[in-house]
Structures are given as C-alpha cells and as structure tokens.
N, C-alpha and C. Protein backbone atom coordinates (compact mmCIF):
# COMPACT_ATOMS: atom_id res chain seq x y z
N MET A 1 -0.90 63.09 -59.15
CA MET A 1 -0.67 63.98 -60.70
C MET A 1 -2.51 64.67 -60.73
N LEU A 2 -3.05 63.97 -60.59
CA LEU A 2 -5.25 64.07 -60.93
C LEU A 2 -5.42 64.94 -59.56
N ARG A 3 -5.23 64.47 -58.27
CA ARG A 3 -5.36 65.10 -57.40
C ARG A 3 -4.69 66.75 -57.45
N ALA A 4 -3.74 66.94 -57.53
CA ALA A 4 -2.87 67.90 -57.73
C ALA A 4 -3.08 69.38 -58.54
N SER A 5 -4.22 68.28 -59.85
CA SER A 5 -4.40 69.58 -60.92
C SER A 5 -5.82 69.43 -60.19
N ALA A 6 -6.84 68.98 -59.79
CA ALA A 6 -7.63 69.53 -59.24
C ALA A 6 -7.70 70.29 -58.03
N LEU A 7 -7.02 70.21 -57.52
CA LEU A 7 -6.90 71.14 -56.84
C LEU A 7 -6.40 72.21 -57.24
N PHE A 8 -5.08 72.93 -57.73
CA PHE A 8 -4.86 73.90 -58.57
C PHE A 8 -6.38 74.58 -59.54
N PHE A 9 -6.67 73.67 -59.73
CA PHE A 9 -7.53 74.80 -60.51
C PHE A 9 -9.07 74.74 -59.55
N ALA A 10 -9.33 74.26 -58.51
CA ALA A 10 -10.20 74.88 -57.67
C ALA A 10 -9.81 76.35 -56.30
N LEU A 11 -8.48 75.88 -56.22
CA LEU A 11 -8.03 77.35 -55.75
C LEU A 11 -7.60 78.37 -56.76
N CYS A 12 -7.51 77.84 -57.68
CA CYS A 12 -6.90 79.24 -58.35
C CYS A 12 -7.57 79.75 -59.69
N VAL A 13 -8.54 78.87 -60.21
CA VAL A 13 -9.42 79.41 -61.35
C VAL A 13 -10.93 78.90 -60.28
N PRO A 14 -11.70 80.57 -60.17
CA PRO A 14 -12.94 80.48 -59.24
C PRO A 14 -13.95 79.68 -60.33
N GLY A 15 -13.93 79.66 -61.45
CA GLY A 15 -15.24 79.41 -62.34
C GLY A 15 -15.24 77.84 -62.47
N PHE A 16 -13.88 77.25 -62.77
CA PHE A 16 -14.15 76.31 -63.21
C PHE A 16 -14.84 74.70 -61.96
N ALA A 17 -15.47 74.10 -62.82
CA ALA A 17 -16.63 73.50 -62.42
C ALA A 17 -16.12 71.57 -62.08
N ALA A 18 -15.12 71.41 -61.33
CA ALA A 18 -14.18 70.39 -61.23
C ALA A 18 -14.62 69.54 -60.02
N ALA A 19 -15.04 68.62 -59.78
CA ALA A 19 -15.57 68.28 -58.00
C ALA A 19 -14.07 68.09 -57.60
N VAL A 20 -14.48 69.00 -55.95
CA VAL A 20 -13.26 68.23 -55.01
C VAL A 20 -14.02 68.39 -53.57
N GLU A 21 -13.10 67.60 -53.13
CA GLU A 21 -13.45 67.30 -51.25
C GLU A 21 -12.76 67.37 -50.64
N TYR A 22 -12.97 68.54 -49.19
CA TYR A 22 -11.62 68.71 -48.71
C TYR A 22 -11.93 67.88 -46.87
N ASP A 23 -11.36 67.40 -46.87
CA ASP A 23 -11.75 67.05 -45.81
C ASP A 23 -10.68 67.50 -44.56
N CYS A 24 -11.13 68.17 -43.16
CA CYS A 24 -10.33 69.37 -42.81
C CYS A 24 -10.42 68.80 -41.31
N ASN A 25 -9.66 68.74 -40.68
CA ASN A 25 -9.62 68.24 -38.84
C ASN A 25 -9.24 69.28 -38.28
N VAL A 26 -9.67 69.70 -37.28
CA VAL A 26 -9.23 70.90 -36.40
C VAL A 26 -8.31 70.82 -34.97
N ALA A 27 -7.42 71.45 -35.64
CA ALA A 27 -6.17 71.32 -34.61
C ALA A 27 -6.18 72.40 -33.23
N LYS A 28 -6.91 73.60 -33.80
CA LYS A 28 -7.07 74.26 -32.43
C LYS A 28 -8.49 74.97 -32.77
N LYS A 29 -8.83 75.12 -31.39
CA LYS A 29 -10.01 75.71 -31.66
C LYS A 29 -10.35 76.64 -29.82
N VAL A 30 -10.67 77.88 -30.42
CA VAL A 30 -10.90 78.49 -29.62
C VAL A 30 -12.11 79.58 -29.64
N ASP A 31 -12.36 79.99 -28.39
CA ASP A 31 -14.37 80.66 -28.21
C ASP A 31 -13.94 81.44 -27.29
N SER A 32 -15.02 82.24 -27.12
CA SER A 32 -15.08 83.48 -26.60
C SER A 32 -14.61 83.35 -25.25
N GLU A 33 -14.78 82.00 -24.51
CA GLU A 33 -14.70 81.61 -23.13
C GLU A 33 -13.03 80.99 -22.84
N ALA A 34 -12.94 80.55 -23.72
CA ALA A 34 -11.47 79.88 -23.47
C ALA A 34 -11.17 78.76 -24.93
N SER A 35 -9.93 78.50 -24.98
CA SER A 35 -9.37 77.78 -25.87
C SER A 35 -9.39 75.96 -25.33
N TYR A 36 -10.09 75.21 -26.39
CA TYR A 36 -9.85 74.00 -26.25
C TYR A 36 -8.57 73.13 -25.49
N THR A 37 -8.30 71.99 -24.72
CA THR A 37 -7.51 71.19 -24.53
C THR A 37 -7.23 70.60 -25.56
N ALA A 38 -6.08 69.46 -25.72
CA ALA A 38 -6.06 68.59 -26.85
C ALA A 38 -6.79 67.18 -26.50
N GLN A 39 -7.24 67.12 -25.15
CA GLN A 39 -8.30 66.40 -24.96
C GLN A 39 -9.71 66.54 -25.19
N GLN A 40 -9.92 67.94 -25.58
CA GLN A 40 -11.45 68.29 -25.20
C GLN A 40 -11.33 68.03 -26.66
N LEU A 41 -10.54 68.06 -27.88
CA LEU A 41 -10.56 68.43 -29.69
C LEU A 41 -10.38 66.81 -29.50
N GLU A 42 -9.30 65.84 -29.18
CA GLU A 42 -9.64 64.76 -29.03
C GLU A 42 -11.34 63.95 -28.82
N LYS A 43 -11.75 64.53 -27.50
CA LYS A 43 -13.47 63.63 -27.61
C LYS A 43 -13.98 64.32 -28.55
N GLY A 44 -14.03 65.36 -28.90
CA GLY A 44 -15.17 65.89 -29.67
C GLY A 44 -14.84 66.20 -31.21
N LYS A 45 -14.15 65.56 -31.77
CA LYS A 45 -13.47 64.90 -32.96
C LYS A 45 -13.83 66.21 -34.04
N PHE A 46 -13.99 67.13 -33.65
CA PHE A 46 -14.12 67.93 -34.37
C PHE A 46 -13.45 68.40 -36.21
N SER A 47 -14.30 68.45 -37.17
CA SER A 47 -13.17 68.99 -38.31
C SER A 47 -15.07 69.57 -39.19
N VAL A 48 -14.31 69.76 -40.79
CA VAL A 48 -14.76 70.75 -41.11
C VAL A 48 -14.24 70.25 -42.84
N LYS A 49 -15.47 69.83 -43.42
CA LYS A 49 -15.71 69.30 -45.00
C LYS A 49 -16.37 70.50 -45.74
N ILE A 50 -15.70 70.40 -46.99
CA ILE A 50 -15.96 71.35 -47.69
C ILE A 50 -16.04 70.58 -49.51
N GLU A 51 -17.21 70.41 -49.79
CA GLU A 51 -17.59 69.88 -51.37
C GLU A 51 -17.82 71.05 -52.50
N GLU A 52 -17.16 70.75 -53.50
CA GLU A 52 -17.32 71.95 -54.51
C GLU A 52 -17.61 70.65 -55.48
N ALA A 53 -18.43 71.14 -56.24
CA ALA A 53 -19.20 70.04 -57.02
C ALA A 53 -19.81 70.87 -58.07
N GLY A 54 -19.19 71.71 -59.40
CA GLY A 54 -19.40 72.17 -59.93
C GLY A 54 -20.63 73.55 -59.64
N GLU A 55 -21.67 74.05 -59.62
CA GLU A 55 -22.54 74.85 -59.44
C GLU A 55 -22.96 75.04 -57.59
N ALA A 56 -22.56 73.73 -57.53
CA ALA A 56 -23.53 74.57 -55.80
C ALA A 56 -21.78 74.04 -54.98
N THR A 57 -21.69 74.41 -53.80
CA THR A 57 -20.29 74.00 -52.92
C THR A 57 -21.30 74.23 -51.68
N PHE A 58 -20.71 73.07 -50.76
CA PHE A 58 -21.03 73.00 -49.76
C PHE A 58 -19.66 72.71 -47.91
N VAL A 59 -21.10 73.12 -47.26
CA VAL A 59 -19.42 73.17 -46.09
C VAL A 59 -20.21 71.98 -44.55
N SER A 60 -19.32 71.55 -44.43
CA SER A 60 -20.23 70.39 -43.23
C SER A 60 -19.54 71.12 -41.82
N ARG A 61 -19.62 70.98 -40.76
CA ARG A 61 -19.31 71.13 -39.81
C ARG A 61 -19.90 70.01 -38.62
N CYS A 62 -18.61 69.52 -38.41
CA CYS A 62 -19.04 68.02 -37.63
C CYS A 62 -18.21 67.52 -35.97
N SER A 63 -18.14 66.98 -35.83
CA SER A 63 -18.42 66.89 -34.24
C SER A 63 -18.80 65.33 -33.41
N PHE A 64 -18.65 64.83 -32.40
CA PHE A 64 -18.50 63.73 -31.59
C PHE A 64 -19.91 64.21 -31.04
N THR A 65 -20.88 63.35 -31.33
CA THR A 65 -22.26 63.26 -30.84
C THR A 65 -22.36 62.65 -29.93
N PRO A 66 -22.20 62.74 -28.40
CA PRO A 66 -22.22 61.35 -27.23
C PRO A 66 -23.62 60.65 -27.17
N SER A 67 -24.76 61.66 -27.27
CA SER A 67 -26.02 60.35 -26.88
C SER A 67 -26.59 59.56 -28.47
N LEU A 68 -25.59 59.47 -29.73
CA LEU A 68 -25.47 58.53 -30.98
C LEU A 68 -24.36 57.89 -30.80
N SER A 69 -22.80 58.43 -29.95
CA SER A 69 -21.89 57.56 -29.96
C SER A 69 -21.42 57.70 -31.64
N LYS A 70 -21.22 58.48 -31.95
CA LYS A 70 -20.75 59.12 -33.41
C LYS A 70 -21.03 60.09 -34.20
N VAL A 71 -19.56 60.50 -34.84
CA VAL A 71 -19.84 61.69 -35.78
C VAL A 71 -20.78 62.41 -36.12
N THR A 72 -21.29 63.58 -36.13
CA THR A 72 -22.84 63.71 -37.13
C THR A 72 -22.10 64.89 -37.98
N CYS A 73 -22.68 65.55 -38.67
CA CYS A 73 -22.54 66.68 -39.26
C CYS A 73 -23.56 67.12 -39.57
N ASP A 74 -23.28 68.72 -39.62
CA ASP A 74 -24.26 69.74 -40.07
C ASP A 74 -23.58 70.25 -40.93
N ARG A 75 -24.55 69.55 -42.78
CA ARG A 75 -24.22 70.52 -44.03
C ARG A 75 -24.65 71.79 -44.31
N TYR A 76 -24.14 72.72 -44.60
CA TYR A 76 -24.78 74.29 -45.78
C TYR A 76 -24.60 74.18 -46.28
N GLN A 77 -24.99 75.17 -47.17
CA GLN A 77 -25.03 74.92 -49.06
C GLN A 77 -24.21 76.63 -48.69
N VAL A 78 -22.73 76.70 -49.46
CA VAL A 78 -22.66 78.23 -49.13
C VAL A 78 -23.17 79.08 -49.83
N GLU A 79 -23.06 80.07 -49.41
CA GLU A 79 -24.03 81.03 -50.61
C GLU A 79 -22.50 82.01 -51.30
N LYS A 80 -21.49 82.28 -50.79
CA LYS A 80 -21.18 83.03 -51.68
C LYS A 80 -19.60 82.18 -51.41
N VAL A 81 -19.04 82.15 -52.48
CA VAL A 81 -17.71 81.71 -52.84
C VAL A 81 -16.59 82.98 -53.04
N VAL A 82 -15.52 83.58 -52.67
CA VAL A 82 -14.18 84.44 -53.00
C VAL A 82 -13.08 83.82 -53.46
N PHE A 83 -12.27 84.01 -53.83
CA PHE A 83 -11.06 83.80 -54.37
C PHE A 83 -10.13 84.95 -54.57
N ASP A 84 -9.39 85.12 -53.38
CA ASP A 84 -8.90 86.11 -53.21
C ASP A 84 -7.13 86.26 -53.91
N GLU A 85 -7.25 86.96 -54.84
CA GLU A 85 -6.42 86.63 -55.82
C GLU A 85 -4.96 87.41 -55.31
N ASN A 86 -4.58 88.43 -54.51
CA ASN A 86 -3.64 88.68 -54.37
C ASN A 86 -3.60 87.75 -53.26
N VAL A 87 -3.88 86.97 -51.94
CA VAL A 87 -2.81 85.90 -51.22
C VAL A 87 -3.46 84.45 -51.40
N LYS A 88 -3.62 84.31 -52.62
CA LYS A 88 -4.74 83.09 -53.04
C LYS A 88 -5.25 82.19 -52.22
N ILE A 89 -6.20 82.80 -51.20
CA ILE A 89 -6.92 82.00 -49.88
C ILE A 89 -8.46 82.16 -51.29
N LYS A 90 -9.12 80.82 -50.70
CA LYS A 90 -10.89 80.74 -50.98
C LYS A 90 -11.47 81.17 -49.97
N LYS A 91 -12.54 81.94 -49.81
CA LYS A 91 -13.71 82.32 -49.06
C LYS A 91 -14.69 81.82 -49.08
N TYR A 92 -15.13 80.64 -48.23
CA TYR A 92 -16.95 80.25 -48.28
C TYR A 92 -17.50 80.58 -47.50
N TYR A 93 -18.70 81.21 -47.98
CA TYR A 93 -19.66 81.80 -46.69
C TYR A 93 -21.04 81.72 -46.49
N VAL A 94 -21.35 81.66 -45.46
CA VAL A 94 -22.75 81.10 -44.87
C VAL A 94 -23.38 81.62 -43.68
N PHE A 95 -24.15 82.94 -44.82
CA PHE A 95 -24.78 84.51 -44.08
C PHE A 95 -25.65 83.59 -43.20
N ARG A 96 -26.42 82.77 -43.87
CA ARG A 96 -28.19 82.24 -43.01
C ARG A 96 -27.44 81.50 -41.44
N SER A 97 -26.38 81.04 -41.18
CA SER A 97 -25.58 80.78 -40.33
C SER A 97 -24.64 81.35 -39.82
N GLN A 98 -24.30 82.48 -40.48
CA GLN A 98 -23.23 83.53 -40.02
C GLN A 98 -21.62 82.64 -39.81
N PHE A 99 -21.80 82.14 -40.67
CA PHE A 99 -20.08 81.52 -40.23
C PHE A 99 -19.63 81.50 -41.94
N ASP A 100 -17.86 81.61 -41.79
CA ASP A 100 -17.33 81.31 -42.72
C ASP A 100 -15.81 80.29 -42.87
N VAL A 101 -15.62 79.74 -43.57
CA VAL A 101 -14.18 79.18 -44.08
C VAL A 101 -13.12 79.15 -45.21
N GLN A 102 -12.10 79.28 -44.29
CA GLN A 102 -10.90 80.00 -45.62
C GLN A 102 -10.09 78.71 -45.48
N LEU A 103 -9.98 78.78 -47.28
CA LEU A 103 -9.10 77.51 -47.44
C LEU A 103 -7.71 78.42 -47.72
N PHE A 104 -6.22 78.06 -47.63
CA PHE A 104 -5.25 79.22 -47.91
C PHE A 104 -4.34 77.64 -48.91
N PRO A 105 -3.72 77.95 -49.57
CA PRO A 105 -3.11 77.50 -50.60
C PRO A 105 -2.75 75.94 -50.17
N ASP A 106 -1.90 76.73 -49.01
CA ASP A 106 -1.02 75.22 -48.13
C ASP A 106 -1.92 74.14 -47.38
N LEU A 107 -2.93 74.31 -47.79
CA LEU A 107 -4.66 73.59 -47.52
C LEU A 107 -4.90 73.55 -45.84
N SER A 108 -4.24 74.63 -45.31
CA SER A 108 -4.52 74.95 -44.24
C SER A 108 -5.90 75.65 -44.53
N PHE A 109 -6.71 75.80 -42.92
CA PHE A 109 -8.10 76.29 -42.82
C PHE A 109 -7.99 77.02 -41.61
N LEU A 110 -9.42 77.91 -41.64
CA LEU A 110 -9.82 78.30 -40.42
C LEU A 110 -11.36 78.59 -40.68
N GLU A 111 -12.15 78.19 -39.45
CA GLU A 111 -12.98 79.08 -39.76
C GLU A 111 -14.02 79.73 -38.58
N ASN A 112 -14.34 80.50 -38.84
CA ASN A 112 -14.83 81.74 -38.01
C ASN A 112 -16.54 81.25 -38.04
N ASN A 113 -16.71 80.76 -36.77
CA ASN A 113 -18.13 80.84 -36.45
C ASN A 113 -18.94 82.15 -36.44
N GLY A 114 -18.25 83.23 -36.44
CA GLY A 114 -19.11 84.44 -36.30
C GLY A 114 -19.83 84.72 -35.20
N ARG A 115 -19.75 84.40 -33.94
CA ARG A 115 -20.01 84.56 -32.44
C ARG A 115 -18.69 84.50 -31.86
N GLY A 116 -18.05 84.78 -31.95
CA GLY A 116 -16.48 84.82 -31.41
C GLY A 116 -15.79 83.60 -31.15
N GLY A 117 -16.34 83.10 -32.17
CA GLY A 117 -15.05 81.04 -31.87
C GLY A 117 -14.47 81.16 -33.44
N ILE A 118 -13.25 80.40 -33.34
CA ILE A 118 -12.87 80.01 -34.34
C ILE A 118 -11.99 78.59 -33.95
N ALA A 119 -11.87 78.12 -35.33
CA ALA A 119 -11.24 76.44 -35.39
C ALA A 119 -10.42 76.78 -36.12
N TYR A 120 -9.02 75.87 -36.68
CA TYR A 120 -8.40 75.96 -37.61
C TYR A 120 -7.74 74.64 -37.84
N GLY A 121 -6.53 74.46 -38.50
CA GLY A 121 -6.40 72.86 -38.86
C GLY A 121 -6.03 72.67 -40.09
N LYS A 122 -5.47 70.96 -40.55
CA LYS A 122 -4.85 70.66 -42.15
C LYS A 122 -6.09 70.34 -42.83
N CYS A 123 -5.97 70.40 -43.87
CA CYS A 123 -6.93 69.69 -44.75
C CYS A 123 -6.68 68.63 -45.51
N ARG A 124 -6.91 68.20 -46.33
CA ARG A 124 -6.37 66.88 -47.20
C ARG A 124 -7.52 66.76 -48.49
N VAL A 125 -7.16 66.66 -49.53
CA VAL A 125 -7.99 66.26 -50.85
C VAL A 125 -8.39 64.86 -50.55
N VAL A 126 -9.69 64.84 -50.89
CA VAL A 126 -9.45 63.23 -51.13
C VAL A 126 -11.20 63.07 -52.25
N ALA A 127 -10.94 62.34 -52.24
CA ALA A 127 -12.06 61.73 -54.06
C ALA A 127 -13.44 62.17 -53.45
N PRO A 128 -14.15 62.78 -54.79
CA PRO A 128 -15.47 63.34 -54.52
C PRO A 128 -16.57 61.54 -54.39
C-alpha cells in the first residue's frame, strides 16, 4: 500500500517530494543499425534506473561490462522533469547527454538516447 501511494504521488503530483526509485529492465532495444536479439539483450543486461529524491532526480543507464565482468551504470542528474497531465506520462530529460526517459502509468518506459536508438521495457518500484 505504501509503494502504491508513493507511486501515485510520484506520477500524479509533480511537485511532491517523496523519494521513489524505479528499476527498469530493457525488453527491446533498437538503434539506427539494427534491433537487438534476445541473446544480445540477455548478454548486455541493459537496464535503466530512475531515482527521485526530493529536489534531485537521477537516471542511470546500466549494462554488462565484459572487462569488469559486472553490470556498471552511468548516472546522470536529470535537468528537467515534465509531467504530461493529458496522458499521465512523466518525462525525464538529460540535455547534456542528449537523452530522455519516459515513464508511463502502467510502469512501462521508453528511453530515447537521442542518437537514433530507443529501448523500452517494464519498471518496478523499489524501496529507496
């Protein structure tokens, strides 16, 4: 019940300062060259994390790094968050790195990397 309340406020009340974190697994990834296969997705362990904590919001893009034999993440501070009242989509913009992430009410997401590639899948709410 507490997670549902946090999710409701985080998605529907843009100014609300509750801490919430989303862990989003990439189910499909396409770039300007090709679509990633299920094997490539499994091997790459691609994911997106969204952290909302009061005034600061961060988005991390994660993948498996073979040289380190583990999943690593690049973490970016979100420069602008927009909540679309009409369709209830929350959009997180990182202008310097030219990408955005959109979070939908059913917890599906879309990452637009700004260079001809997109990734999408499903998120889950995790305790911050």
